Amino acid sequence: MSSIDVKFDLIWRRGATDMTLATWTEHYDPTGGGNFDAQAHEYDEVAPAIDYASGDKFVFRYSAVMATGPEAYIPNGDGPLARGRIPNITLPK
């Protein structure tokens, strides 16, 4: 296991046009001991309001900025089984 920087993007897609609403990068270090427990991180990103129309898509993209292996970062889809919770995005009302 090795450290990794991950870039996160929130994207509004209308047809073939993408508008990046928010982007940030986070550094993760291995938890050690060979366990794959979730690392507690929570983000509160500011993004502009959008004029949503039927057919628009909201894209959550993550990509490794620096990694030494093909599976260096995996979002916690195991939730409590990995001592974490399922990733989610909360939008304002």
N, C-alpha and C. Protein backbone atom coordinates (compact mmCIF):
# COMPACT_ATOMS: atom_id res chain seq x y z
N MET A 1 0.84 -1.18 0.00
CA MET A 1 0.00 0.00 0.00
C MET A 1 0.88 1.24 0.00
N SER A 2 0.38 2.30 -0.64
CA SER A 2 1.13 3.55 -0.69
C SER A 2 0.18 4.73 -0.59
N SER A 3 0.73 5.89 -0.35
CA SER A 3 -0.07 7.12 -0.30
C SER A 3 -0.60 7.45 -1.68
N ILE A 4 -1.67 8.25 -1.70
CA ILE A 4 -2.26 8.63 -2.98
C ILE A 4 -2.94 9.99 -2.84
N ASP A 5 -2.93 10.75 -3.92
CA ASP A 5 -3.72 11.97 -4.01
C ASP A 5 -4.88 11.67 -4.96
N VAL A 6 -6.08 12.04 -4.55
CA VAL A 6 -7.28 11.77 -5.35
C VAL A 6 -7.95 13.09 -5.68
N LYS A 7 -8.30 13.25 -6.95
CA LYS A 7 -9.02 14.44 -7.41
C LYS A 7 -10.50 14.08 -7.53
N PHE A 8 -11.35 14.93 -6.94
CA PHE A 8 -12.80 14.74 -6.99
C PHE A 8 -13.41 15.87 -7.81
N ASP A 9 -14.38 15.53 -8.65
CA ASP A 9 -15.08 16.52 -9.46
C ASP A 9 -16.58 16.29 -9.35
N LEU A 10 -17.34 17.37 -9.17
CA LEU A 10 -18.80 17.33 -9.30
C LEU A 10 -19.12 18.05 -10.60
N ILE A 11 -19.80 17.35 -11.48
CA ILE A 11 -20.01 17.85 -12.85
C ILE A 11 -21.50 17.84 -13.19
N TRP A 12 -21.94 18.90 -13.83
CA TRP A 12 -23.29 18.98 -14.38
C TRP A 12 -23.18 18.75 -15.87
N ARG A 13 -23.84 17.73 -16.36
CA ARG A 13 -23.76 17.37 -17.79
C ARG A 13 -25.11 17.60 -18.45
N ARG A 14 -25.09 18.44 -19.47
CA ARG A 14 -26.29 18.66 -20.29
C ARG A 14 -25.91 18.33 -21.72
N GLY A 15 -26.46 17.25 -22.23
CA GLY A 15 -26.10 16.79 -23.58
C GLY A 15 -24.62 16.45 -23.62
N ALA A 16 -23.88 17.10 -24.53
CA ALA A 16 -22.44 16.85 -24.65
C ALA A 16 -21.61 17.90 -23.92
N THR A 17 -22.28 18.77 -23.14
CA THR A 17 -21.58 19.85 -22.43
C THR A 17 -21.45 19.54 -20.95
N ASP A 18 -20.22 19.59 -20.44
CA ASP A 18 -19.95 19.39 -19.01
C ASP A 18 -19.57 20.72 -18.38
N MET A 19 -20.14 20.99 -17.21
CA MET A 19 -19.75 22.15 -16.42
C MET A 19 -19.29 21.65 -15.06
N THR A 20 -18.03 21.92 -14.72
CA THR A 20 -17.51 21.52 -13.42
C THR A 20 -18.07 22.46 -12.36
N LEU A 21 -18.76 21.89 -11.39
CA LEU A 21 -19.37 22.67 -10.31
C LEU A 21 -18.42 22.83 -9.13
N ALA A 22 -17.64 21.80 -8.87
CA ALA A 22 -16.66 21.85 -7.77
C ALA A 22 -15.58 20.82 -8.05
N THR A 23 -14.38 21.12 -7.62
CA THR A 23 -13.27 20.17 -7.75
C THR A 23 -12.33 20.37 -6.57
N TRP A 24 -11.78 19.27 -6.06
CA TRP A 24 -10.81 19.35 -4.97
C TRP A 24 -9.95 18.10 -4.98
N THR A 25 -8.81 18.19 -4.32
CA THR A 25 -7.88 17.08 -4.23
C THR A 25 -7.63 16.76 -2.76
N GLU A 26 -7.55 15.49 -2.45
CA GLU A 26 -7.31 15.04 -1.07
C GLU A 26 -6.19 14.02 -1.06
N HIS A 27 -5.37 14.07 -0.03
CA HIS A 27 -4.26 13.13 0.14
C HIS A 27 -4.67 12.05 1.14
N TYR A 28 -4.40 10.80 0.80
CA TYR A 28 -4.69 9.67 1.68
C TYR A 28 -3.41 8.89 1.92
N ASP A 29 -3.20 8.51 3.17
CA ASP A 29 -2.09 7.64 3.55
C ASP A 29 -2.65 6.27 3.90
N PRO A 30 -1.88 5.20 3.70
CA PRO A 30 -2.36 3.86 4.08
C PRO A 30 -2.66 3.81 5.57
N THR A 31 -3.66 3.00 5.92
CA THR A 31 -4.01 2.86 7.32
C THR A 31 -3.07 1.91 8.05
N GLY A 32 -2.28 1.15 7.30
CA GLY A 32 -1.27 0.27 7.90
C GLY A 32 -1.84 -1.06 8.35
N GLY A 33 -0.96 -1.99 8.58
CA GLY A 33 -1.35 -3.30 9.08
C GLY A 33 -2.11 -4.16 8.10
N GLY A 34 -2.23 -3.73 6.86
CA GLY A 34 -2.91 -4.56 5.86
C GLY A 34 -4.42 -4.52 5.96
N ASN A 35 -4.99 -3.71 6.89
CA ASN A 35 -6.45 -3.67 6.94
C ASN A 35 -6.97 -2.67 5.92
N PHE A 36 -8.20 -2.81 5.57
CA PHE A 36 -8.79 -1.94 4.57
C PHE A 36 -9.97 -1.18 5.16
N ASP A 37 -9.81 -0.73 6.40
CA ASP A 37 -10.87 0.06 7.03
C ASP A 37 -11.00 1.40 6.32
N ALA A 38 -12.22 1.91 6.33
CA ALA A 38 -12.49 3.22 5.73
C ALA A 38 -11.74 4.31 6.49
N GLN A 39 -11.36 5.33 5.77
CA GLN A 39 -10.77 6.52 6.40
C GLN A 39 -11.85 7.59 6.48
N ALA A 40 -12.00 8.15 7.66
CA ALA A 40 -13.06 9.13 7.88
C ALA A 40 -12.73 10.46 7.23
N HIS A 41 -13.48 10.81 6.21
CA HIS A 41 -13.33 12.11 5.55
C HIS A 41 -14.72 12.59 5.18
N GLU A 42 -14.95 13.86 5.36
CA GLU A 42 -16.21 14.47 4.97
C GLU A 42 -15.88 15.83 4.38
N TYR A 43 -16.51 16.17 3.28
CA TYR A 43 -16.20 17.40 2.58
C TYR A 43 -17.46 18.24 2.44
N ASP A 44 -17.30 19.53 2.49
CA ASP A 44 -18.39 20.47 2.30
C ASP A 44 -17.92 21.45 1.22
N GLU A 45 -18.29 21.19 -0.01
CA GLU A 45 -17.82 21.98 -1.14
C GLU A 45 -18.90 22.95 -1.61
N VAL A 46 -18.49 24.14 -1.97
CA VAL A 46 -19.40 25.16 -2.49
C VAL A 46 -19.49 24.99 -4.00
N ALA A 47 -20.71 25.04 -4.51
CA ALA A 47 -20.93 24.93 -5.96
C ALA A 47 -22.06 25.87 -6.35
N PRO A 48 -22.07 26.34 -7.59
CA PRO A 48 -23.14 27.24 -8.02
C PRO A 48 -24.47 26.50 -8.18
N ALA A 49 -25.56 27.24 -8.06
CA ALA A 49 -26.88 26.67 -8.36
C ALA A 49 -26.95 26.42 -9.86
N ILE A 50 -27.71 25.42 -10.24
CA ILE A 50 -27.84 25.11 -11.67
C ILE A 50 -29.31 25.16 -12.07
N ASP A 51 -29.54 25.35 -13.37
CA ASP A 51 -30.88 25.37 -13.94
C ASP A 51 -31.14 23.99 -14.54
N TYR A 52 -31.42 23.02 -13.68
CA TYR A 52 -31.60 21.64 -14.08
C TYR A 52 -32.77 21.49 -15.06
N ALA A 53 -32.57 20.67 -16.07
CA ALA A 53 -33.62 20.35 -17.03
C ALA A 53 -33.67 18.83 -17.19
N SER A 54 -34.81 18.33 -17.59
CA SER A 54 -34.96 16.89 -17.81
C SER A 54 -33.87 16.38 -18.75
N GLY A 55 -33.23 15.28 -18.37
CA GLY A 55 -32.16 14.69 -19.18
C GLY A 55 -30.77 15.08 -18.72
N ASP A 56 -30.66 16.13 -17.88
CA ASP A 56 -29.35 16.52 -17.34
C ASP A 56 -28.83 15.42 -16.43
N LYS A 57 -27.52 15.37 -16.26
CA LYS A 57 -26.91 14.37 -15.39
C LYS A 57 -25.98 15.05 -14.39
N PHE A 58 -25.90 14.47 -13.21
CA PHE A 58 -24.99 14.91 -12.17
C PHE A 58 -23.92 13.83 -12.06
N VAL A 59 -22.66 14.20 -12.27
CA VAL A 59 -21.55 13.24 -12.32
C VAL A 59 -20.62 13.47 -11.14
N PHE A 60 -20.33 12.42 -10.39
CA PHE A 60 -19.31 12.45 -9.34
C PHE A 60 -18.14 11.64 -9.87
N ARG A 61 -17.04 12.32 -10.17
CA ARG A 61 -15.88 11.65 -10.76
C ARG A 61 -14.71 11.74 -9.78
N TYR A 62 -13.99 10.65 -9.63
CA TYR A 62 -12.78 10.66 -8.83
C TYR A 62 -11.68 9.99 -9.64
N SER A 63 -10.47 10.52 -9.51
CA SER A 63 -9.35 9.97 -10.26
C SER A 63 -8.07 10.12 -9.45
N ALA A 64 -7.18 9.16 -9.62
CA ALA A 64 -5.90 9.21 -8.92
C ALA A 64 -5.00 10.23 -9.59
N VAL A 65 -4.43 11.11 -8.79
CA VAL A 65 -3.49 12.09 -9.31
C VAL A 65 -2.09 11.48 -9.28
N MET A 66 -1.77 10.82 -8.18
CA MET A 66 -0.48 10.13 -8.06
C MET A 66 -0.75 8.79 -7.38
N ALA A 67 -0.38 7.71 -8.04
CA ALA A 67 -0.58 6.38 -7.47
C ALA A 67 0.47 5.44 -8.01
N THR A 68 0.78 4.41 -7.24
CA THR A 68 1.77 3.44 -7.70
C THR A 68 1.13 2.13 -8.14
N GLY A 69 -0.16 1.97 -7.92
CA GLY A 69 -0.82 0.73 -8.31
C GLY A 69 -2.19 1.02 -8.90
N PRO A 70 -2.78 0.05 -9.62
CA PRO A 70 -4.06 0.28 -10.29
C PRO A 70 -5.25 0.35 -9.33
N GLU A 71 -5.12 -0.16 -8.11
CA GLU A 71 -6.23 -0.13 -7.15
C GLU A 71 -5.82 0.64 -5.91
N ALA A 72 -5.22 1.80 -6.12
CA ALA A 72 -4.70 2.58 -5.00
C ALA A 72 -5.80 3.28 -4.21
N TYR A 73 -6.94 3.55 -4.83
CA TYR A 73 -8.03 4.23 -4.14
C TYR A 73 -9.35 3.60 -4.55
N ILE A 74 -10.15 3.24 -3.56
CA ILE A 74 -11.47 2.67 -3.82
C ILE A 74 -12.44 3.33 -2.85
N PRO A 75 -13.51 3.99 -3.36
CA PRO A 75 -14.48 4.56 -2.43
C PRO A 75 -15.07 3.45 -1.55
N ASN A 76 -15.40 3.78 -0.33
CA ASN A 76 -15.91 2.78 0.61
C ASN A 76 -17.33 2.39 0.26
N GLY A 77 -17.48 1.33 -0.50
CA GLY A 77 -18.80 0.80 -0.81
C GLY A 77 -19.24 -0.25 0.18
N ASP A 78 -18.39 -0.55 1.16
CA ASP A 78 -18.71 -1.57 2.16
C ASP A 78 -19.38 -1.00 3.40
N GLY A 79 -19.41 0.31 3.53
CA GLY A 79 -20.07 0.95 4.66
C GLY A 79 -19.59 0.44 5.99
N PRO A 80 -20.51 0.04 6.86
CA PRO A 80 -20.14 -0.39 8.21
C PRO A 80 -19.24 -1.63 8.24
N LEU A 81 -19.25 -2.43 7.18
CA LEU A 81 -18.38 -3.61 7.15
C LEU A 81 -16.91 -3.22 7.14
N ALA A 82 -16.61 -1.99 6.70
CA ALA A 82 -15.24 -1.49 6.68
C ALA A 82 -15.08 -0.34 7.69
N ARG A 83 -15.96 -0.33 8.70
CA ARG A 83 -15.94 0.70 9.74
C ARG A 83 -16.10 2.10 9.16
N GLY A 84 -16.98 2.22 8.17
CA GLY A 84 -17.24 3.50 7.53
C GLY A 84 -18.71 3.62 7.20
N ARG A 85 -19.00 4.42 6.22
CA ARG A 85 -20.38 4.52 5.73
C ARG A 85 -20.35 4.67 4.22
N ILE A 86 -21.46 4.38 3.59
CA ILE A 86 -21.55 4.43 2.13
C ILE A 86 -21.38 5.88 1.68
N PRO A 87 -20.52 6.15 0.67
CA PRO A 87 -20.37 7.52 0.18
C PRO A 87 -21.70 8.08 -0.31
N ASN A 88 -21.94 9.35 -0.05
CA ASN A 88 -23.17 9.97 -0.51
C ASN A 88 -22.94 11.46 -0.73
N ILE A 89 -23.82 12.06 -1.49
CA ILE A 89 -23.78 13.49 -1.76
C ILE A 89 -25.12 14.06 -1.33
N THR A 90 -25.09 15.08 -0.49
CA THR A 90 -26.30 15.74 -0.03
C THR A 90 -26.41 17.08 -0.75
N LEU A 91 -27.49 17.26 -1.47
CA LEU A 91 -27.72 18.50 -2.21
C LEU A 91 -28.64 19.42 -1.39
N PRO A 92 -28.49 20.74 -1.52
CA PRO A 92 -29.39 21.64 -0.80
C PRO A 92 -30.81 21.54 -1.36
N LYS A 93 -31.74 21.92 -0.53
CA LYS A 93 -33.16 21.88 -0.95
C LYS A 93 -33.53 23.12 -1.69
